[in-house]
Amino acid sequence: MVDYIPSPDEVTAAQTPDGGWTKKQLAQWGVPWPPPSGWRKHLAAKWRGEDVGPLTAEEPDQDTLF
């Protein structure tokens, strides 16, 4: 369980010079790797105190594996 939820400004400030986020940083926020689409909106909602479910890793589409 993650005890600290960053503000949207903190998430933006944590971007690397290449415009992404490190696996370690995302893990500190409870975001799985690779980060699923919508993870920033999910964190923002949690930061605002909204009741959101857990953020889960996306399963690859079977067609993309072959």
PDB file of N, CA and C in Angstrom:
ATOM      1  N   MET A   1       0.846  -1.186   0.000  1.00  0.00           N
ATOM      2  CA  MET A   1       0.000   0.000   0.000  1.00  0.00           C
ATOM      3  C   MET A   1       0.882   1.237   0.000  1.00  0.00           C
ATOM      4  N   VAL A   2       0.494   2.195  -0.781  1.00  0.00           N
ATOM      5  CA  VAL A   2       1.237   3.435  -0.886  1.00  0.00           C
ATOM      6  C   VAL A   2       0.651   4.443   0.092  1.00  0.00           C
ATOM      7  N   ASP A   3       1.518   5.017   0.919  1.00  0.00           N
ATOM      8  CA  ASP A   3       1.051   5.977   1.914  1.00  0.00           C
ATOM      9  C   ASP A   3       0.993   7.405   1.382  1.00  0.00           C
ATOM     10  N   TYR A   4       1.775   7.702   0.347  1.00  0.00           N
ATOM     11  CA  TYR A   4       1.855   9.065  -0.153  1.00  0.00           C
ATOM     12  C   TYR A   4       1.367   9.136  -1.591  1.00  0.00           C
ATOM     13  N   ILE A   5       0.454  10.048  -1.848  1.00  0.00           N
ATOM     14  CA  ILE A   5      -0.042  10.276  -3.201  1.00  0.00           C
ATOM     15  C   ILE A   5       0.459  11.656  -3.629  1.00  0.00           C
ATOM     16  N   PRO A   6       1.217  11.722  -4.718  1.00  0.00           N
ATOM     17  CA  PRO A   6       1.750  13.003  -5.156  1.00  0.00           C
ATOM     18  C   PRO A   6       0.676  13.881  -5.804  1.00  0.00           C
ATOM     19  N   SER A   7       0.884  15.185  -5.731  1.00  0.00           N
ATOM     20  CA  SER A   7      -0.019  16.107  -6.424  1.00  0.00           C
ATOM     21  C   SER A   7       0.286  16.043  -7.919  1.00  0.00           C
ATOM     22  N   PRO A   8      -0.651  16.491  -8.744  1.00  0.00           N
ATOM     23  CA  PRO A   8      -0.368  16.532 -10.183  1.00  0.00           C
ATOM     24  C   PRO A   8       0.888  17.346 -10.515  1.00  0.00           C
ATOM     25  N   ASP A   9       1.140  18.429  -9.784  1.00  0.00           N
ATOM     26  CA  ASP A   9       2.349  19.225 -10.004  1.00  0.00           C
ATOM     27  C   ASP A   9       3.604  18.436  -9.669  1.00  0.00           C
ATOM     28  N   GLU A  10       3.546  17.628  -8.603  1.00  0.00           N
ATOM     29  CA  GLU A  10       4.697  16.799  -8.233  1.00  0.00           C
ATOM     30  C   GLU A  10       4.965  15.728  -9.293  1.00  0.00           C
ATOM     31  N   VAL A  11       3.909  15.176  -9.856  1.00  0.00           N
ATOM     32  CA  VAL A  11       4.064  14.170 -10.904  1.00  0.00           C
ATOM     33  C   VAL A  11       4.760  14.802 -12.105  1.00  0.00           C
ATOM     34  N   THR A  12       4.312  15.969 -12.500  1.00  0.00           N
ATOM     35  CA  THR A  12       4.923  16.673 -13.635  1.00  0.00           C
ATOM     36  C   THR A  12       6.379  17.008 -13.343  1.00  0.00           C
ATOM     37  N   ALA A  13       6.655  17.476 -12.137  1.00  0.00           N
ATOM     38  CA  ALA A  13       8.022  17.863 -11.765  1.00  0.00           C
ATOM     39  C   ALA A  13       8.972  16.674 -11.728  1.00  0.00           C
ATOM     40  N   ALA A  14       8.452  15.465 -11.556  1.00  0.00           N
ATOM     41  CA  ALA A  14       9.296  14.273 -11.464  1.00  0.00           C
ATOM     42  C   ALA A  14       9.662  13.695 -12.828  1.00  0.00           C
ATOM     43  N   GLN A  15       9.180  14.298 -13.906  1.00  0.00           N
ATOM     44  CA  GLN A  15       9.517  13.798 -15.243  1.00  0.00           C
ATOM     45  C   GLN A  15      11.014  13.881 -15.482  1.00  0.00           C
ATOM     46  N   THR A  16      11.518  12.891 -16.186  1.00  0.00           N
ATOM     47  CA  THR A  16      12.925  12.898 -16.569  1.00  0.00           C
ATOM     48  C   THR A  16      13.115  13.895 -17.712  1.00  0.00           C
ATOM     49  N   PRO A  17      14.357  14.246 -18.028  1.00  0.00           N
ATOM     50  CA  PRO A  17      14.592  15.155 -19.163  1.00  0.00           C
ATOM     51  C   PRO A  17      14.019  14.636 -20.487  1.00  0.00           C
ATOM     52  N   ASP A  18      13.863  13.323 -20.603  1.00  0.00           N
ATOM     53  CA  ASP A  18      13.292  12.734 -21.811  1.00  0.00           C
ATOM     54  C   ASP A  18      11.765  12.769 -21.822  1.00  0.00           C
ATOM     55  N   GLY A  19      11.154  13.234 -20.730  1.00  0.00           N
ATOM     56  CA  GLY A  19       9.700  13.349 -20.683  1.00  0.00           C
ATOM     57  C   GLY A  19       8.967  12.160 -20.110  1.00  0.00           C
ATOM     58  N   GLY A  20       9.687  11.217 -19.532  1.00  0.00           N
ATOM     59  CA  GLY A  20       9.053  10.043 -18.935  1.00  0.00           C
ATOM     60  C   GLY A  20       9.232  10.026 -17.428  1.00  0.00           C
ATOM     61  N   TRP A  21       8.994   8.879 -16.849  1.00  0.00           N
ATOM     62  CA  TRP A  21       9.177   8.675 -15.421  1.00  0.00           C
ATOM     63  C   TRP A  21       9.945   7.384 -15.228  1.00  0.00           C
ATOM     64  N   THR A  22      10.726   7.300 -14.155  1.00  0.00           N
ATOM     65  CA  THR A  22      11.491   6.091 -13.906  1.00  0.00           C
ATOM     66  C   THR A  22      10.602   5.019 -13.281  1.00  0.00           C
ATOM     67  N   LYS A  23      11.001   3.789 -13.488  1.00  0.00           N
ATOM     68  CA  LYS A  23      10.280   2.662 -12.895  1.00  0.00           C
ATOM     69  C   LYS A  23      10.271   2.795 -11.374  1.00  0.00           C
ATOM     70  N   LYS A  24      11.405   3.219 -10.816  1.00  0.00           N
ATOM     71  CA  LYS A  24      11.519   3.378  -9.360  1.00  0.00           C
ATOM     72  C   LYS A  24      10.548   4.447  -8.847  1.00  0.00           C
ATOM     73  N   GLN A  25      10.482   5.577  -9.547  1.00  0.00           N
ATOM     74  CA  GLN A  25       9.574   6.648  -9.119  1.00  0.00           C
ATOM     75  C   GLN A  25       8.132   6.193  -9.178  1.00  0.00           C
ATOM     76  N   LEU A  26       7.755   5.548 -10.255  1.00  0.00           N
ATOM     77  CA  LEU A  26       6.375   5.077 -10.377  1.00  0.00           C
ATOM     78  C   LEU A  26       6.039   4.064  -9.294  1.00  0.00           C
ATOM     79  N   ALA A  27       6.994   3.199  -8.972  1.00  0.00           N
ATOM     80  CA  ALA A  27       6.770   2.200  -7.918  1.00  0.00           C
ATOM     81  C   ALA A  27       6.507   2.880  -6.577  1.00  0.00           C
ATOM     82  N   GLN A  28       7.187   3.986  -6.319  1.00  0.00           N
ATOM     83  CA  GLN A  28       6.972   4.713  -5.057  1.00  0.00           C
ATOM     84  C   GLN A  28       5.549   5.255  -4.963  1.00  0.00           C
ATOM     85  N   TRP A  29       4.957   5.512  -6.105  1.00  0.00           N
ATOM     86  CA  TRP A  29       3.580   6.006  -6.141  1.00  0.00           C
ATOM     87  C   TRP A  29       2.568   4.886  -6.297  1.00  0.00           C
ATOM     88  N   GLY A  30       3.022   3.647  -6.382  1.00  0.00           N
ATOM     89  CA  GLY A  30       2.113   2.516  -6.519  1.00  0.00           C
ATOM     90  C   GLY A  30       1.659   2.261  -7.940  1.00  0.00           C
ATOM     91  N   VAL A  31       2.401   2.781  -8.926  1.00  0.00           N
ATOM     92  CA  VAL A  31       2.047   2.591 -10.333  1.00  0.00           C
ATOM     93  C   VAL A  31       2.828   1.391 -10.864  1.00  0.00           C
ATOM     94  N   PRO A  32       2.147   0.382 -11.424  1.00  0.00           N
ATOM     95  CA  PRO A  32       2.843  -0.799 -11.942  1.00  0.00           C
ATOM     96  C   PRO A  32       3.659  -0.468 -13.195  1.00  0.00           C
ATOM     97  N   TRP A  33       4.599  -1.352 -13.505  1.00  0.00           N
ATOM     98  CA  TRP A  33       5.420  -1.196 -14.709  1.00  0.00           C
ATOM     99  C   TRP A  33       5.061  -2.268 -15.710  1.00  0.00           C
ATOM    100  N   PRO A  34       4.880  -1.980 -16.954  1.00  0.00           N
ATOM    101  CA  PRO A  34       4.848  -0.634 -17.523  1.00  0.00           C
ATOM    102  C   PRO A  34       3.587   0.096 -17.073  1.00  0.00           C
ATOM    103  N   PRO A  35       3.655   1.409 -16.986  1.00  0.00           N
ATOM    104  CA  PRO A  35       2.496   2.150 -16.472  1.00  0.00           C
ATOM    105  C   PRO A  35       1.296   2.031 -17.421  1.00  0.00           C
ATOM    106  N   PRO A  36       0.142   1.668 -16.875  1.00  0.00           N
ATOM    107  CA  PRO A  36      -1.044   1.540 -17.724  1.00  0.00           C
ATOM    108  C   PRO A  36      -1.543   2.916 -18.170  1.00  0.00           C
ATOM    109  N   SER A  37      -2.256   2.945 -19.266  1.00  0.00           N
ATOM    110  CA  SER A  37      -2.804   4.220 -19.721  1.00  0.00           C
ATOM    111  C   SER A  37      -3.757   4.753 -18.648  1.00  0.00           C
ATOM    112  N   GLY A  38      -3.733   6.054 -18.484  1.00  0.00           N
ATOM    113  CA  GLY A  38      -4.591   6.697 -17.494  1.00  0.00           C
ATOM    114  C   GLY A  38      -4.015   6.767 -16.094  1.00  0.00           C
ATOM    115  N   TRP A  39      -2.762   6.348 -15.906  1.00  0.00           N
ATOM    116  CA  TRP A  39      -2.196   6.324 -14.556  1.00  0.00           C
ATOM    117  C   TRP A  39      -2.107   7.721 -13.934  1.00  0.00           C
ATOM    118  N   ARG A  40      -1.822   8.739 -14.741  1.00  0.00           N
ATOM    119  CA  ARG A  40      -1.732  10.104 -14.188  1.00  0.00           C
ATOM    120  C   ARG A  40      -3.104  10.587 -13.724  1.00  0.00           C
ATOM    121  N   LYS A  41      -4.152  10.319 -14.498  1.00  0.00           N
ATOM    122  CA  LYS A  41      -5.507  10.706 -14.091  1.00  0.00           C
ATOM    123  C   LYS A  41      -5.913   9.957 -12.838  1.00  0.00           C
ATOM    124  N   HIS A  42      -5.507   8.693 -12.742  1.00  0.00           N
ATOM    125  CA  HIS A  42      -5.805   7.876 -11.566  1.00  0.00           C
ATOM    126  C   HIS A  42      -5.166   8.484 -10.313  1.00  0.00           C
ATOM    127  N   LEU A  43      -3.871   8.852 -10.413  1.00  0.00           N
ATOM    128  CA  LEU A  43      -3.185   9.460  -9.266  1.00  0.00           C
ATOM    129  C   LEU A  43      -3.819  10.798  -8.902  1.00  0.00           C
ATOM    130  N   ALA A  44      -4.178  11.588  -9.896  1.00  0.00           N
ATOM    131  CA  ALA A  44      -4.799  12.894  -9.630  1.00  0.00           C
ATOM    132  C   ALA A  44      -6.123  12.711  -8.891  1.00  0.00           C
ATOM    133  N   ALA A  45      -6.904  11.724  -9.293  1.00  0.00           N
ATOM    134  CA  ALA A  45      -8.182  11.455  -8.624  1.00  0.00           C
ATOM    135  C   ALA A  45      -7.959  11.027  -7.176  1.00  0.00           C
ATOM    136  N   LYS A  46      -6.967  10.157  -6.955  1.00  0.00           N
ATOM    137  CA  LYS A  46      -6.654   9.738  -5.586  1.00  0.00           C
ATOM    138  C   LYS A  46      -6.191  10.923  -4.751  1.00  0.00           C
ATOM    139  N   TRP A  47      -5.394  11.806  -5.347  1.00  0.00           N
ATOM    140  CA  TRP A  47      -4.883  12.978  -4.636  1.00  0.00           C
ATOM    141  C   TRP A  47      -6.036  13.905  -4.228  1.00  0.00           C
ATOM    142  N   ARG A  48      -7.066  13.991  -5.077  1.00  0.00           N
ATOM    143  CA  ARG A  48      -8.243  14.813  -4.765  1.00  0.00           C
ATOM    144  C   ARG A  48      -9.156  14.134  -3.745  1.00  0.00           C
ATOM    145  N   GLY A  49      -8.853  12.894  -3.388  1.00  0.00           N
ATOM    146  CA  GLY A  49      -9.641  12.188  -2.393  1.00  0.00           C
ATOM    147  C   GLY A  49     -10.790  11.387  -2.966  1.00  0.00           C
ATOM    148  N   GLU A  50     -10.808  11.228  -4.277  1.00  0.00           N
ATOM    149  CA  GLU A  50     -11.873  10.435  -4.895  1.00  0.00           C
ATOM    150  C   GLU A  50     -11.654   8.957  -4.599  1.00  0.00           C
ATOM    151  N   ASP A  51     -12.748   8.236  -4.531  1.00  0.00           N
ATOM    152  CA  ASP A  51     -12.690   6.797  -4.276  1.00  0.00           C
ATOM    153  C   ASP A  51     -12.469   6.076  -5.602  1.00  0.00           C
ATOM    154  N   VAL A  52     -11.221   5.703  -5.841  1.00  0.00           N
ATOM    155  CA  VAL A  52     -10.888   4.995  -7.079  1.00  0.00           C
ATOM    156  C   VAL A  52     -10.366   3.610  -6.732  1.00  0.00           C
ATOM    157  N   GLY A  53     -10.561   2.699  -7.625  1.00  0.00           N
ATOM    158  CA  GLY A  53     -10.093   1.336  -7.416  1.00  0.00           C
ATOM    159  C   GLY A  53      -8.585   1.247  -7.596  1.00  0.00           C
ATOM    160  N   PRO A  54      -8.051   0.052  -7.465  1.00  0.00           N
ATOM    161  CA  PRO A  54      -6.605  -0.122  -7.626  1.00  0.00           C
ATOM    162  C   PRO A  54      -6.194   0.060  -9.087  1.00  0.00           C
ATOM    163  N   LEU A  55      -4.974   0.502  -9.259  1.00  0.00           N
ATOM    164  CA  LEU A  55      -4.398   0.658 -10.590  1.00  0.00           C
ATOM    165  C   LEU A  55      -3.687  -0.642 -10.926  1.00  0.00           C
ATOM    166  N   THR A  56      -4.130  -1.298 -11.986  1.00  0.00           N
ATOM    167  CA  THR A  56      -3.562  -2.597 -12.328  1.00  0.00           C
ATOM    168  C   THR A  56      -2.805  -2.534 -13.644  1.00  0.00           C
ATOM    169  N   ALA A  57      -1.834  -3.416 -13.777  1.00  0.00           N
ATOM    170  CA  ALA A  57      -1.045  -3.496 -15.010  1.00  0.00           C
ATOM    171  C   ALA A  57      -1.931  -4.021 -16.129  1.00  0.00           C
ATOM    172  N   GLU A  58      -1.691  -3.494 -17.311  1.00  0.00           N
ATOM    173  CA  GLU A  58      -2.455  -3.948 -18.463  1.00  0.00           C
ATOM    174  C   GLU A  58      -1.873  -5.252 -18.980  1.00  0.00           C
ATOM    175  N   GLU A  59      -2.740  -6.152 -19.334  1.00  0.00           N
ATOM    176  CA  GLU A  59      -2.313  -7.407 -19.934  1.00  0.00           C
ATOM    177  C   GLU A  59      -2.148  -7.186 -21.427  1.00  0.00           C
ATOM    178  N   PRO A  60      -1.073  -7.656 -22.018  1.00  0.00           N
ATOM    179  CA  PRO A  60      -0.931  -7.469 -23.468  1.00  0.00           C
ATOM    180  C   PRO A  60      -1.976  -8.255 -24.239  1.00  0.00           C
ATOM    181  N   ASP A  61      -2.406  -7.687 -25.323  1.00  0.00           N
ATOM    182  CA  ASP A  61      -3.349  -8.355 -26.205  1.00  0.00           C
ATOM    183  C   ASP A  61      -2.647  -9.565 -26.815  1.00  0.00           C
ATOM    184  N   GLN A  62      -3.278 -10.688 -26.810  1.00  0.00           N
ATOM    185  CA  GLN A  62      -2.660 -11.907 -27.322  1.00  0.00           C
ATOM    186  C   GLN A  62      -2.211 -11.757 -28.782  1.00  0.00           C
ATOM    187  N   ASP A  63      -2.936 -10.986 -29.555  1.00  0.00           N
ATOM    188  CA  ASP A  63      -2.581 -10.808 -30.968  1.00  0.00           C
ATOM    189  C   ASP A  63      -1.237 -10.084 -31.126  1.00  0.00           C
ATOM    190  N   THR A  64      -0.879  -9.233 -30.167  1.00  0.00           N
ATOM    191  CA  THR A  64       0.366  -8.488 -30.292  1.00  0.00           C
ATOM    192  C   THR A  64       1.569  -9.342 -29.944  1.00  0.00           C
ATOM    193  N   LEU A  65       1.342 -10.511 -29.391  1.00  0.00           N
ATOM    194  CA  LEU A  65       2.450 -11.372 -29.000  1.00  0.00           C
ATOM    195  C   LEU A  65       3.020 -12.163 -30.182  1.00  0.00           C
ATOM    196  N   PHE A  66       2.274 -12.235 -31.261  1.00  0.00           N
ATOM    197  CA  PHE A  66       2.720 -13.052 -32.400  1.00  0.00           C
ATOM    198  C   PHE A  66       2.834 -12.239 -33.663  1.00  0.00           C
TER     199      PHE A  66
END
